[in-house]
Amino acid sequence: MTTKPISRQADRVLLSARARHFEPRSLHARVALYFDRVVLRGWTLRGRIQRTIALSTVRDVDWWTLTNDGPNIALKLNNGSSLAFWVKSPGVWRFRIHELISREAPASDEKRGRITSAA
């Protein structure tokens, strides 16, 4: 029997919450943020679903406050699609995801320390 070291840091859950209002409509779902991915697991009338989004494919994160009847956070992916759902404290989720995305992406000279005008 061989043993293999387990990467505990990569498999550590940073944030976890109940999720609502995502497609396909779920009866019960949980979303978890890891260092390298977001995992959405749940049950629909058709059975179990699981969706894993690598953070390397996330381009941006939008979030809204004071919404109970729809999604309040959306992950915009590099391929143009998005994954939207409702979680408690979407601002915390956005902050942590942006923190992890910026750690992966190398900082370019254009974006680092410059404020540009839209005019």
PDB file of N, CA and C in Angstrom:
ATOM      1  N   MET A   1       0.834  -1.174   0.000  1.00  0.00           N
ATOM      2  CA  MET A   1       0.000   0.000   0.000  1.00  0.00           C
ATOM      3  C   MET A   1       0.881   1.240   0.000  1.00  0.00           C
ATOM      4  N   THR A   2       0.602   2.121  -0.947  1.00  0.00           N
ATOM      5  CA  THR A   2       1.376   3.352  -1.020  1.00  0.00           C
ATOM      6  C   THR A   2       0.540   4.495  -0.466  1.00  0.00           C
ATOM      7  N   THR A   3       1.228   5.420   0.124  1.00  0.00           N
ATOM      8  CA  THR A   3       0.531   6.590   0.651  1.00  0.00           C
ATOM      9  C   THR A   3       0.931   7.806  -0.153  1.00  0.00           C
ATOM     10  N   LYS A   4       0.006   8.690  -0.349  1.00  0.00           N
ATOM     11  CA  LYS A   4       0.246   9.895  -1.114  1.00  0.00           C
ATOM     12  C   LYS A   4      -0.078  11.091  -0.225  1.00  0.00           C
ATOM     13  N   PRO A   5       0.797  12.098  -0.176  1.00  0.00           N
ATOM     14  CA  PRO A   5       0.502  13.256   0.659  1.00  0.00           C
ATOM     15  C   PRO A   5      -0.749  13.979   0.163  1.00  0.00           C
ATOM     16  N   ILE A   6      -1.557  14.418   1.088  1.00  0.00           N
ATOM     17  CA  ILE A   6      -2.793  15.113   0.760  1.00  0.00           C
ATOM     18  C   ILE A   6      -2.552  16.608   0.865  1.00  0.00           C
ATOM     19  N   SER A   7      -2.972  17.324  -0.156  1.00  0.00           N
ATOM     20  CA  SER A   7      -2.851  18.777  -0.146  1.00  0.00           C
ATOM     21  C   SER A   7      -4.019  19.353   0.638  1.00  0.00           C
ATOM     22  N   ARG A   8      -3.862  19.515   1.906  1.00  0.00           N
ATOM     23  CA  ARG A   8      -4.952  19.972   2.765  1.00  0.00           C
ATOM     24  C   ARG A   8      -5.333  21.432   2.488  1.00  0.00           C
ATOM     25  N   GLN A   9      -4.357  22.269   2.134  1.00  0.00           N
ATOM     26  CA  GLN A   9      -4.671  23.668   1.888  1.00  0.00           C
ATOM     27  C   GLN A   9      -5.557  23.825   0.661  1.00  0.00           C
ATOM     28  N   ALA A  10      -5.299  23.092  -0.418  1.00  0.00           N
ATOM     29  CA  ALA A  10      -6.101  23.198  -1.628  1.00  0.00           C
ATOM     30  C   ALA A  10      -7.523  22.706  -1.404  1.00  0.00           C
ATOM     31  N   ASP A  11      -7.718  21.770  -0.496  1.00  0.00           N
ATOM     32  CA  ASP A  11      -9.037  21.219  -0.246  1.00  0.00           C
ATOM     33  C   ASP A  11      -9.748  21.871   0.930  1.00  0.00           C
ATOM     34  N   ARG A  12      -9.181  22.923   1.473  1.00  0.00           N
ATOM     35  CA  ARG A  12      -9.818  23.614   2.591  1.00  0.00           C
ATOM     36  C   ARG A  12     -10.899  24.553   2.068  1.00  0.00           C
ATOM     37  N   VAL A  13     -12.064  24.497   2.664  1.00  0.00           N
ATOM     38  CA  VAL A  13     -13.182  25.356   2.269  1.00  0.00           C
ATOM     39  C   VAL A  13     -12.992  26.727   2.905  1.00  0.00           C
ATOM     40  N   LEU A  14     -12.981  27.773   2.078  1.00  0.00           N
ATOM     41  CA  LEU A  14     -12.833  29.126   2.588  1.00  0.00           C
ATOM     42  C   LEU A  14     -14.182  29.714   2.996  1.00  0.00           C
ATOM     43  N   LEU A  15     -15.197  29.506   2.163  1.00  0.00           N
ATOM     44  CA  LEU A  15     -16.552  29.969   2.454  1.00  0.00           C
ATOM     45  C   LEU A  15     -17.530  28.876   2.044  1.00  0.00           C
ATOM     46  N   SER A  16     -18.601  28.752   2.777  1.00  0.00           N
ATOM     47  CA  SER A  16     -19.637  27.785   2.451  1.00  0.00           C
ATOM     48  C   SER A  16     -20.981  28.372   2.859  1.00  0.00           C
ATOM     49  N   ALA A  17     -21.993  28.162   2.024  1.00  0.00           N
ATOM     50  CA  ALA A  17     -23.307  28.726   2.331  1.00  0.00           C
ATOM     51  C   ALA A  17     -24.397  27.992   1.568  1.00  0.00           C
ATOM     52  N   ARG A  18     -25.623  28.211   2.018  1.00  0.00           N
ATOM     53  CA  ARG A  18     -26.780  27.735   1.272  1.00  0.00           C
ATOM     54  C   ARG A  18     -26.950  28.620   0.061  1.00  0.00           C
ATOM     55  N   ALA A  19     -27.293  28.043  -1.073  1.00  0.00           N
ATOM     56  CA  ALA A  19     -27.476  28.810  -2.306  1.00  0.00           C
ATOM     57  C   ALA A  19     -28.914  28.651  -2.787  1.00  0.00           C
ATOM     58  N   ARG A  20     -29.436  29.717  -3.391  1.00  0.00           N
ATOM     59  CA  ARG A  20     -30.771  29.683  -3.980  1.00  0.00           C
ATOM     60  C   ARG A  20     -30.749  30.386  -5.328  1.00  0.00           C
ATOM     61  N   HIS A  21     -31.817  30.218  -6.060  1.00  0.00           N
ATOM     62  CA  HIS A  21     -32.072  30.956  -7.304  1.00  0.00           C
ATOM     63  C   HIS A  21     -30.981  30.776  -8.353  1.00  0.00           C
ATOM     64  N   PHE A  22     -30.627  29.553  -8.634  1.00  0.00           N
ATOM     65  CA  PHE A  22     -29.728  29.341  -9.757  1.00  0.00           C
ATOM     66  C   PHE A  22     -30.372  28.325 -10.683  1.00  0.00           C
ATOM     67  N   GLU A  23     -29.928  28.315 -11.918  1.00  0.00           N
ATOM     68  CA  GLU A  23     -30.500  27.410 -12.921  1.00  0.00           C
ATOM     69  C   GLU A  23     -29.668  26.151 -13.008  1.00  0.00           C
ATOM     70  N   PRO A  24     -30.255  24.977 -13.119  1.00  0.00           N
ATOM     71  CA  PRO A  24     -31.692  24.718 -13.048  1.00  0.00           C
ATOM     72  C   PRO A  24     -32.188  24.902 -11.622  1.00  0.00           C
ATOM     73  N   ARG A  25     -33.419  25.268 -11.471  1.00  0.00           N
ATOM     74  CA  ARG A  25     -33.988  25.554 -10.151  1.00  0.00           C
ATOM     75  C   ARG A  25     -33.714  24.417  -9.180  1.00  0.00           C
ATOM     76  N   SER A  26     -33.174  24.772  -8.050  1.00  0.00           N
ATOM     77  CA  SER A  26     -32.802  23.758  -7.063  1.00  0.00           C
ATOM     78  C   SER A  26     -33.794  23.730  -5.921  1.00  0.00           C
ATOM     79  N   LEU A  27     -33.918  22.570  -5.322  1.00  0.00           N
ATOM     80  CA  LEU A  27     -34.715  22.439  -4.119  1.00  0.00           C
ATOM     81  C   LEU A  27     -33.838  22.689  -2.895  1.00  0.00           C
ATOM     82  N   HIS A  28     -32.625  22.234  -2.964  1.00  0.00           N
ATOM     83  CA  HIS A  28     -31.656  22.411  -1.880  1.00  0.00           C
ATOM     84  C   HIS A  28     -30.277  22.473  -2.519  1.00  0.00           C
ATOM     85  N   ALA A  29     -29.476  23.462  -2.137  1.00  0.00           N
ATOM     86  CA  ALA A  29     -28.140  23.583  -2.729  1.00  0.00           C
ATOM     87  C   ALA A  29     -27.176  24.212  -1.735  1.00  0.00           C
ATOM     88  N   ARG A  30     -25.895  23.910  -1.916  1.00  0.00           N
ATOM     89  CA  ARG A  30     -24.808  24.505  -1.140  1.00  0.00           C
ATOM     90  C   ARG A  30     -23.740  24.939  -2.124  1.00  0.00           C
ATOM     91  N   VAL A  31     -23.109  26.035  -1.796  1.00  0.00           N
ATOM     92  CA  VAL A  31     -21.993  26.522  -2.591  1.00  0.00           C
ATOM     93  C   VAL A  31     -20.785  26.612  -1.669  1.00  0.00           C
ATOM     94  N   ALA A  32     -19.625  26.218  -2.189  1.00  0.00           N
ATOM     95  CA  ALA A  32     -18.391  26.241  -1.401  1.00  0.00           C
ATOM     96  C   ALA A  32     -17.279  26.879  -2.234  1.00  0.00           C
ATOM     97  N   LEU A  33     -16.506  27.732  -1.590  1.00  0.00           N
ATOM     98  CA  LEU A  33     -15.364  28.383  -2.225  1.00  0.00           C
ATOM     99  C   LEU A  33     -14.092  27.748  -1.688  1.00  0.00           C
ATOM    100  N   TYR A  34     -13.279  27.250  -2.606  1.00  0.00           N
ATOM    101  CA  TYR A  34     -11.967  26.691  -2.282  1.00  0.00           C
ATOM    102  C   TYR A  34     -10.904  27.646  -2.817  1.00  0.00           C
ATOM    103  N   PHE A  35      -9.646  27.336  -2.629  1.00  0.00           N
ATOM    104  CA  PHE A  35      -8.565  28.192  -3.121  1.00  0.00           C
ATOM    105  C   PHE A  35      -8.526  28.276  -4.639  1.00  0.00           C
ATOM    106  N   ASP A  36      -9.010  27.240  -5.331  1.00  0.00           N
ATOM    107  CA  ASP A  36      -8.894  27.203  -6.780  1.00  0.00           C
ATOM    108  C   ASP A  36     -10.201  26.987  -7.522  1.00  0.00           C
ATOM    109  N   ARG A  37     -11.338  26.891  -6.804  1.00  0.00           N
ATOM    110  CA  ARG A  37     -12.593  26.585  -7.477  1.00  0.00           C
ATOM    111  C   ARG A  37     -13.797  26.976  -6.628  1.00  0.00           C
ATOM    112  N   VAL A  38     -14.941  27.046  -7.291  1.00  0.00           N
ATOM    113  CA  VAL A  38     -16.242  27.216  -6.642  1.00  0.00           C
ATOM    114  C   VAL A  38     -17.054  25.986  -6.996  1.00  0.00           C
ATOM    115  N   VAL A  39     -17.633  25.338  -5.990  1.00  0.00           N
ATOM    116  CA  VAL A  39     -18.408  24.114  -6.214  1.00  0.00           C
ATOM    117  C   VAL A  39     -19.839  24.354  -5.754  1.00  0.00           C
ATOM    118  N   LEU A  40     -20.773  24.077  -6.653  1.00  0.00           N
ATOM    119  CA  LEU A  40     -22.199  24.207  -6.376  1.00  0.00           C
ATOM    120  C   LEU A  40     -22.804  22.814  -6.426  1.00  0.00           C
ATOM    121  N   ARG A  41     -23.381  22.374  -5.312  1.00  0.00           N
ATOM    122  CA  ARG A  41     -23.992  21.047  -5.230  1.00  0.00           C
ATOM    123  C   ARG A  41     -25.434  21.207  -4.790  1.00  0.00           C
ATOM    124  N   GLY A  42     -26.317  20.414  -5.392  1.00  0.00           N
ATOM    125  CA  GLY A  42     -27.708  20.532  -4.996  1.00  0.00           C
ATOM    126  C   GLY A  42     -28.583  19.435  -5.557  1.00  0.00           C
ATOM    127  N   TRP A  43     -29.859  19.587  -5.259  1.00  0.00           N
ATOM    128  CA  TRP A  43     -30.884  18.652  -5.719  1.00  0.00           C
ATOM    129  C   TRP A  43     -31.960  19.419  -6.452  1.00  0.00           C
ATOM    130  N   THR A  44     -32.392  18.886  -7.575  1.00  0.00           N
ATOM    131  CA  THR A  44     -33.523  19.418  -8.310  1.00  0.00           C
ATOM    132  C   THR A  44     -34.570  18.322  -8.400  1.00  0.00           C
ATOM    133  N   LEU A  45     -35.676  18.604  -9.051  1.00  0.00           N
ATOM    134  CA  LEU A  45     -36.694  17.575  -9.251  1.00  0.00           C
ATOM    135  C   LEU A  45     -36.187  16.451 -10.145  1.00  0.00           C
ATOM    136  N   ARG A  46     -35.172  16.729 -10.943  1.00  0.00           N
ATOM    137  CA  ARG A  46     -34.589  15.715 -11.838  1.00  0.00           C
ATOM    138  C   ARG A  46     -33.447  14.935 -11.211  1.00  0.00           C
ATOM    139  N   GLY A  47     -33.032  15.317 -10.023  1.00  0.00           N
ATOM    140  CA  GLY A  47     -31.952  14.597  -9.349  1.00  0.00           C
ATOM    141  C   GLY A  47     -30.832  15.508  -8.898  1.00  0.00           C
ATOM    142  N   ARG A  48     -29.712  14.883  -8.577  1.00  0.00           N
ATOM    143  CA  ARG A  48     -28.551  15.577  -8.028  1.00  0.00           C
ATOM    144  C   ARG A  48     -27.799  16.317  -9.128  1.00  0.00           C
ATOM    145  N   ILE A  49     -27.320  17.528  -8.784  1.00  0.00           N
ATOM    146  CA  ILE A  49     -26.472  18.281  -9.704  1.00  0.00           C
ATOM    147  C   ILE A  49     -25.221  18.732  -8.961  1.00  0.00           C
ATOM    148  N   GLN A  50     -24.146  18.865  -9.714  1.00  0.00           N
ATOM    149  CA  GLN A  50     -22.906  19.413  -9.174  1.00  0.00           C
ATOM    150  C   GLN A  50     -22.224  20.176 -10.284  1.00  0.00           C
ATOM    151  N   ARG A  51     -21.807  21.400  -9.975  1.00  0.00           N
ATOM    152  CA  ARG A  51     -21.100  22.213 -10.952  1.00  0.00           C
ATOM    153  C   ARG A  51     -19.846  22.762 -10.291  1.00  0.00           C
ATOM    154  N   THR A  52     -18.715  22.576 -10.935  1.00  0.00           N
ATOM    155  CA  THR A  52     -17.435  23.059 -10.439  1.00  0.00           C
ATOM    156  C   THR A  52     -16.902  24.106 -11.406  1.00  0.00           C
ATOM    157  N   ILE A  53     -16.582  25.276 -10.874  1.00  0.00           N
ATOM    158  CA  ILE A  53     -16.048  26.373 -11.673  1.00  0.00           C
ATOM    159  C   ILE A  53     -14.627  26.653 -11.197  1.00  0.00           C
ATOM    160  N   ALA A  54     -13.666  26.487 -12.081  1.00  0.00           N
ATOM    161  CA  ALA A  54     -12.274  26.809 -11.741  1.00  0.00           C
ATOM    162  C   ALA A  54     -12.125  28.326 -11.665  1.00  0.00           C
ATOM    163  N   LEU A  55     -11.453  28.820 -10.644  1.00  0.00           N
ATOM    164  CA  LEU A  55     -11.278  30.264 -10.498  1.00  0.00           C
ATOM    165  C   LEU A  55     -10.443  30.855 -11.627  1.00  0.00           C
ATOM    166  N   SER A  56      -9.657  30.030 -12.288  1.00  0.00           N
ATOM    167  CA  SER A  56      -8.877  30.527 -13.420  1.00  0.00           C
ATOM    168  C   SER A  56      -9.777  30.895 -14.598  1.00  0.00           C
ATOM    169  N   THR A  57     -11.035  30.421 -14.609  1.00  0.00           N
ATOM    170  CA  THR A  57     -11.967  30.746 -15.687  1.00  0.00           C
ATOM    171  C   THR A  57     -12.897  31.901 -15.330  1.00  0.00           C
ATOM    172  N   VAL A  58     -12.795  32.436 -14.101  1.00  0.00           N
ATOM    173  CA  VAL A  58     -13.656  33.541 -13.673  1.00  0.00           C
ATOM    174  C   VAL A  58     -12.997  34.855 -14.054  1.00  0.00           C
ATOM    175  N   ARG A  59     -13.730  35.663 -14.834  1.00  0.00           N
ATOM    176  CA  ARG A  59     -13.222  36.960 -15.285  1.00  0.00           C
ATOM    177  C   ARG A  59     -13.555  38.068 -14.305  1.00  0.00           C
ATOM    178  N   ASP A  60     -14.799  38.044 -13.760  1.00  0.00           N
ATOM    179  CA  ASP A  60     -15.245  39.109 -12.869  1.00  0.00           C
ATOM    180  C   ASP A  60     -16.395  38.590 -12.008  1.00  0.00           C
ATOM    181  N   VAL A  61     -16.717  39.349 -10.968  1.00  0.00           N
ATOM    182  CA  VAL A  61     -17.811  38.987 -10.067  1.00  0.00           C
ATOM    183  C   VAL A  61     -18.706  40.213  -9.890  1.00  0.00           C
ATOM    184  N   ASP A  62     -19.994  40.041 -10.182  1.00  0.00           N
ATOM    185  CA  ASP A  62     -20.978  41.092  -9.922  1.00  0.00           C
ATOM    186  C   ASP A  62     -21.778  40.703  -8.699  1.00  0.00           C
ATOM    187  N   TRP A  63     -22.230  41.710  -7.946  1.00  0.00           N
ATOM    188  CA  TRP A  63     -23.071  41.409  -6.789  1.00  0.00           C
ATOM    189  C   TRP A  63     -24.049  42.549  -6.554  1.00  0.00           C
ATOM    190  N   TRP A  64     -25.178  42.203  -5.931  1.00  0.00           N
ATOM    191  CA  TRP A  64     -26.233  43.146  -5.630  1.00  0.00           C
ATOM    192  C   TRP A  64     -26.657  42.949  -4.188  1.00  0.00           C
ATOM    193  N   THR A  65     -27.154  44.013  -3.580  1.00  0.00           N
ATOM    194  CA  THR A  65     -27.663  43.910  -2.212  1.00  0.00           C
ATOM    195  C   THR A  65     -29.180  44.013  -2.224  1.00  0.00           C
ATOM    196  N   LEU A  66     -29.779  43.622  -1.131  1.00  0.00           N
ATOM    197  CA  LEU A  66     -31.214  43.733  -0.919  1.00  0.00           C
ATOM    198  C   LEU A  66     -32.054  43.005  -1.965  1.00  0.00           C
ATOM    199  N   THR A  67     -31.620  41.827  -2.376  1.00  0.00           N
ATOM    200  CA  THR A  67     -32.423  41.004  -3.282  1.00  0.00           C
ATOM    201  C   THR A  67     -32.710  39.680  -2.603  1.00  0.00           C
ATOM    202  N   ASN A  68     -33.975  39.376  -2.421  1.00  0.00           N
ATOM    203  CA  ASN A  68     -34.378  38.086  -1.874  1.00  0.00           C
ATOM    204  C   ASN A  68     -35.107  37.240  -2.894  1.00  0.00           C
ATOM    205  N   ASP A  69     -35.538  37.862  -3.995  1.00  0.00           N
ATOM    206  CA  ASP A  69     -36.325  37.138  -4.979  1.00  0.00           C
ATOM    207  C   ASP A  69     -35.531  36.741  -6.217  1.00  0.00           C
ATOM    208  N   GLY A  70     -34.229  36.854  -6.160  1.00  0.00           N
ATOM    209  CA  GLY A  70     -33.381  36.481  -7.294  1.00  0.00           C
ATOM    210  C   GLY A  70     -31.934  36.398  -6.876  1.00  0.00           C
ATOM    211  N   PRO A  71     -31.051  36.139  -7.825  1.00  0.00           N
ATOM    212  CA  PRO A  71     -29.625  36.035  -7.500  1.00  0.00           C
ATOM    213  C   PRO A  71     -29.059  37.352  -7.006  1.00  0.00           C
ATOM    214  N   ASN A  72     -28.035  37.269  -6.156  1.00  0.00           N
ATOM    215  CA  ASN A  72     -27.365  38.486  -5.695  1.00  0.00           C
ATOM    216  C   ASN A  72     -25.865  38.459  -5.975  1.00  0.00           C
ATOM    217  N   ILE A  73     -25.405  37.413  -6.639  1.00  0.00           N
ATOM    218  CA  ILE A  73     -23.997  37.341  -7.051  1.00  0.00           C
ATOM    219  C   ILE A  73     -23.919  36.576  -8.367  1.00  0.00           C
ATOM    220  N   ALA A  74     -23.044  37.035  -9.254  1.00  0.00           N
ATOM    221  CA  ALA A  74     -22.877  36.374 -10.546  1.00  0.00           C
ATOM    222  C   ALA A  74     -21.392  36.267 -10.871  1.00  0.00           C
ATOM    223  N   LEU A  75     -20.965  35.066 -11.213  1.00  0.00           N
ATOM    224  CA  LEU A  75     -19.594  34.833 -11.658  1.00  0.00           C
ATOM    225  C   LEU A  75     -19.576  34.948 -13.171  1.00  0.00           C
ATOM    226  N   LYS A  76     -18.839  35.907 -13.710  1.00  0.00           N
ATOM    227  CA  LYS A  76     -18.705  36.058 -15.155  1.00  0.00           C
ATOM    228  C   LYS A  76     -17.483  35.273 -15.593  1.00  0.00           C
ATOM    229  N   LEU A  77     -17.692  34.356 -16.527  1.00  0.00           N
ATOM    230  CA  LEU A  77     -16.628  33.462 -16.954  1.00  0.00           C
ATOM    231  C   LEU A  77     -15.955  33.965 -18.227  1.00  0.00           C
ATOM    232  N   ASN A  78     -14.755  33.468 -18.489  1.00  0.00           N
ATOM    233  CA  ASN A  78     -13.979  33.890 -19.651  1.00  0.00           C
ATOM    234  C   ASN A  78     -14.667  33.570 -20.974  1.00  0.00           C
ATOM    235  N   ASN A  79     -15.491  32.530 -21.015  1.00  0.00           N
ATOM    236  CA  ASN A  79     -16.149  32.144 -22.265  1.00  0.00           C
ATOM    237  C   ASN A  79     -17.416  32.945 -22.534  1.00  0.00           C
ATOM    238  N   GLY A  80     -17.713  33.952 -21.709  1.00  0.00           N
ATOM    239  CA  GLY A  80     -18.870  34.810 -21.918  1.00  0.00           C
ATOM    240  C   GLY A  80     -20.110  34.397 -21.146  1.00  0.00           C
ATOM    241  N   SER A  81     -20.138  33.211 -20.585  1.00  0.00           N
ATOM    242  CA  SER A  81     -21.292  32.776 -19.799  1.00  0.00           C
ATOM    243  C   SER A  81     -21.148  33.258 -18.361  1.00  0.00           C
ATOM    244  N   SER A  82     -22.200  33.059 -17.583  1.00  0.00           N
ATOM    245  CA  SER A  82     -22.138  33.434 -16.177  1.00  0.00           C
ATOM    246  C   SER A  82     -22.937  32.444 -15.346  1.00  0.00           C
ATOM    247  N   LEU A  83     -22.624  32.408 -14.068  1.00  0.00           N
ATOM    248  CA  LEU A  83     -23.325  31.567 -13.110  1.00  0.00           C
ATOM    249  C   LEU A  83     -23.789  32.479 -11.992  1.00  0.00           C
ATOM    250  N   ALA A  84     -25.116  32.597 -11.837  1.00  0.00           N
ATOM    251  CA  ALA A  84     -25.685  33.494 -10.833  1.00  0.00           C
ATOM    252  C   ALA A  84     -26.444  32.692  -9.792  1.00  0.00           C
ATOM    253  N   PHE A  85     -26.354  33.142  -8.534  1.00  0.00           N
ATOM    254  CA  PHE A  85     -27.069  32.477  -7.451  1.00  0.00           C
ATOM    255  C   PHE A  85     -27.202  33.454  -6.289  1.00  0.00           C
ATOM    256  N   TRP A  86     -27.984  33.084  -5.274  1.00  0.00           N
ATOM    257  CA  TRP A  86     -28.193  33.902  -4.093  1.00  0.00           C
ATOM    258  C   TRP A  86     -27.462  33.272  -2.920  1.00  0.00           C
ATOM    259  N   VAL A  87     -26.687  34.071  -2.204  1.00  0.00           N
ATOM    260  CA  VAL A  87     -26.033  33.641  -0.961  1.00  0.00           C
ATOM    261  C   VAL A  87     -26.161  34.765   0.057  1.00  0.00           C
ATOM    262  N   LYS A  88     -26.023  34.398   1.303  1.00  0.00           N
ATOM    263  CA  LYS A  88     -25.979  35.402   2.353  1.00  0.00           C
ATOM    264  C   LYS A  88     -24.602  36.069   2.302  1.00  0.00           C
ATOM    265  N   SER A  89     -24.537  37.373   2.498  1.00  0.00           N
ATOM    266  CA  SER A  89     -23.298  38.168   2.473  1.00  0.00           C
ATOM    267  C   SER A  89     -22.564  38.083   1.132  1.00  0.00           C
ATOM    268  N   PRO A  90     -23.195  38.526   0.042  1.00  0.00           N
ATOM    269  CA  PRO A  90     -22.539  38.437  -1.264  1.00  0.00           C
ATOM    270  C   PRO A  90     -21.282  39.298  -1.372  1.00  0.00           C
ATOM    271  N   GLY A  91     -21.204  40.374  -0.603  1.00  0.00           N
ATOM    272  CA  GLY A  91     -20.009  41.218  -0.629  1.00  0.00           C
ATOM    273  C   GLY A  91     -18.774  40.492  -0.141  1.00  0.00           C
ATOM    274  N   VAL A  92     -18.943  39.651   0.867  1.00  0.00           N
ATOM    275  CA  VAL A  92     -17.827  38.848   1.372  1.00  0.00           C
ATOM    276  C   VAL A  92     -17.375  37.855   0.308  1.00  0.00           C
ATOM    277  N   TRP A  93     -18.341  37.224  -0.348  1.00  0.00           N
ATOM    278  CA  TRP A  93     -18.013  36.273  -1.420  1.00  0.00           C
ATOM    279  C   TRP A  93     -17.255  36.971  -2.542  1.00  0.00           C
ATOM    280  N   ARG A  94     -17.735  38.151  -2.951  1.00  0.00           N
ATOM    281  CA  ARG A  94     -17.076  38.890  -4.026  1.00  0.00           C
ATOM    282  C   ARG A  94     -15.646  39.252  -3.635  1.00  0.00           C
ATOM    283  N   PHE A  95     -15.466  39.756  -2.422  1.00  0.00           N
ATOM    284  CA  PHE A  95     -14.139  40.130  -1.956  1.00  0.00           C
ATOM    285  C   PHE A  95     -13.179  38.941  -1.982  1.00  0.00           C
ATOM    286  N   ARG A  96     -13.612  37.796  -1.431  1.00  0.00           N
ATOM    287  CA  ARG A  96     -12.727  36.623  -1.373  1.00  0.00           C
ATOM    288  C   ARG A  96     -12.406  36.090  -2.763  1.00  0.00           C
ATOM    289  N   ILE A  97     -13.402  36.070  -3.662  1.00  0.00           N
ATOM    290  CA  ILE A  97     -13.148  35.572  -5.017  1.00  0.00           C
ATOM    291  C   ILE A  97     -12.194  36.504  -5.745  1.00  0.00           C
ATOM    292  N   HIS A  98     -12.397  37.820  -5.632  1.00  0.00           N
ATOM    293  CA  HIS A  98     -11.467  38.775  -6.250  1.00  0.00           C
ATOM    294  C   HIS A  98     -10.063  38.624  -5.685  1.00  0.00           C
ATOM    295  N   GLU A  99      -9.963  38.390  -4.404  1.00  0.00           N
ATOM    296  CA  GLU A  99      -8.665  38.181  -3.770  1.00  0.00           C
ATOM    297  C   GLU A  99      -7.958  36.966  -4.364  1.00  0.00           C
ATOM    298  N   LEU A 100      -8.687  35.874  -4.554  1.00  0.00           N
ATOM    299  CA  LEU A 100      -8.099  34.661  -5.113  1.00  0.00           C
ATOM    300  C   LEU A 100      -7.785  34.806  -6.596  1.00  0.00           C
ATOM    301  N   ILE A 101      -8.638  35.504  -7.331  1.00  0.00           N
ATOM    302  CA  ILE A 101      -8.394  35.720  -8.761  1.00  0.00           C
ATOM    303  C   ILE A 101      -7.149  36.571  -8.956  1.00  0.00           C
ATOM    304  N   SER A 102      -6.998  37.632  -8.173  1.00  0.00           N
ATOM    305  CA  SER A 102      -5.846  38.518  -8.328  1.00  0.00           C
ATOM    306  C   SER A 102      -4.551  37.826  -7.924  1.00  0.00           C
ATOM    307  N   ARG A 103      -4.641  36.848  -7.047  1.00  0.00           N
ATOM    308  CA  ARG A 103      -3.453  36.089  -6.659  1.00  0.00           C
ATOM    309  C   ARG A 103      -2.977  35.222  -7.810  1.00  0.00           C
ATOM    310  N   GLU A 104      -3.937  34.699  -8.614  1.00  0.00           N
ATOM    311  CA  GLU A 104      -3.588  33.853  -9.752  1.00  0.00           C
ATOM    312  C   GLU A 104      -3.066  34.660 -10.931  1.00  0.00           C
ATOM    313  N   ALA A 105      -3.708  35.805 -11.225  1.00  0.00           N
ATOM    314  CA  ALA A 105      -3.348  36.592 -12.403  1.00  0.00           C
ATOM    315  C   ALA A 105      -2.130  37.450 -12.114  1.00  0.00           C
ATOM    316  N   PRO A 106      -1.158  37.465 -13.023  1.00  0.00           N
ATOM    317  CA  PRO A 106      -0.006  38.341 -12.829  1.00  0.00           C
ATOM    318  C   PRO A 106      -0.436  39.786 -13.006  1.00  0.00           C
ATOM    319  N   ALA A 107       0.080  40.654 -12.152  1.00  0.00           N
ATOM    320  CA  ALA A 107      -0.279  42.073 -12.226  1.00  0.00           C
ATOM    321  C   ALA A 107       0.429  42.716 -13.401  1.00  0.00           C
ATOM    322  N   SER A 108      -0.338  43.408 -14.225  1.00  0.00           N
ATOM    323  CA  SER A 108       0.264  44.102 -15.366  1.00  0.00           C
ATOM    324  C   SER A 108       0.613  45.526 -14.940  1.00  0.00           C
ATOM    325  N   ASP A 109       1.531  46.152 -15.674  1.00  0.00           N
ATOM    326  CA  ASP A 109       1.946  47.517 -15.347  1.00  0.00           C
ATOM    327  C   ASP A 109       0.815  48.508 -15.546  1.00  0.00           C
ATOM    328  N   GLU A 110      -0.121  48.214 -16.476  1.00  0.00           N
ATOM    329  CA  GLU A 110      -1.225  49.123 -16.738  1.00  0.00           C
ATOM    330  C   GLU A 110      -2.138  49.259 -15.536  1.00  0.00           C
ATOM    331  N   LYS A 111      -2.452  48.154 -14.895  1.00  0.00           N
ATOM    332  CA  LYS A 111      -3.446  48.160 -13.840  1.00  0.00           C
ATOM    333  C   LYS A 111      -2.866  48.462 -12.457  1.00  0.00           C
ATOM    334  N   ARG A 112      -1.584  48.254 -12.271  1.00  0.00           N
ATOM    335  CA  ARG A 112      -0.997  48.391 -10.954  1.00  0.00           C
ATOM    336  C   ARG A 112      -0.758  49.855 -10.603  1.00  0.00           C
ATOM    337  N   GLY A 113      -1.477  50.361  -9.611  1.00  0.00           N
ATOM    338  CA  GLY A 113      -1.206  51.669  -9.065  1.00  0.00           C
ATOM    339  C   GLY A 113      -1.599  52.853  -9.918  1.00  0.00           C
ATOM    340  N   ARG A 114      -2.361  52.644 -10.977  1.00  0.00           N
ATOM    341  CA  ARG A 114      -2.757  53.777 -11.810  1.00  0.00           C
ATOM    342  C   ARG A 114      -4.246  53.995 -11.732  1.00  0.00           C
ATOM    343  N   ILE A 115      -4.621  55.239 -11.676  1.00  0.00           N
ATOM    344  CA  ILE A 115      -6.022  55.608 -11.739  1.00  0.00           C
ATOM    345  C   ILE A 115      -6.232  56.270 -13.094  1.00  0.00           C
ATOM    346  N   THR A 116      -7.175  55.751 -13.876  1.00  0.00           N
ATOM    347  CA  THR A 116      -7.416  56.299 -15.194  1.00  0.00           C
ATOM    348  C   THR A 116      -8.754  56.995 -15.219  1.00  0.00           C
ATOM    349  N   SER A 117      -8.870  57.970 -16.065  1.00  0.00           N
ATOM    350  CA  SER A 117     -10.105  58.727 -16.196  1.00  0.00           C
ATOM    351  C   SER A 117     -10.928  58.166 -17.333  1.00  0.00           C
ATOM    352  N   ALA A 118     -12.242  58.124 -17.143  1.00  0.00           N
ATOM    353  CA  ALA A 118     -13.136  57.632 -18.176  1.00  0.00           C
ATOM    354  C   ALA A 118     -13.504  58.730 -19.163  1.00  0.00           C
ATOM    355  N   ALA A 119     -13.069  59.965 -18.923  1.00  0.00           N
ATOM    356  CA  ALA A 119     -13.445  61.091 -19.790  1.00  0.00           C
ATOM    357  C   ALA A 119     -12.635  61.131 -21.048  1.00  0.00           C
TER     358      ALA A 119
END
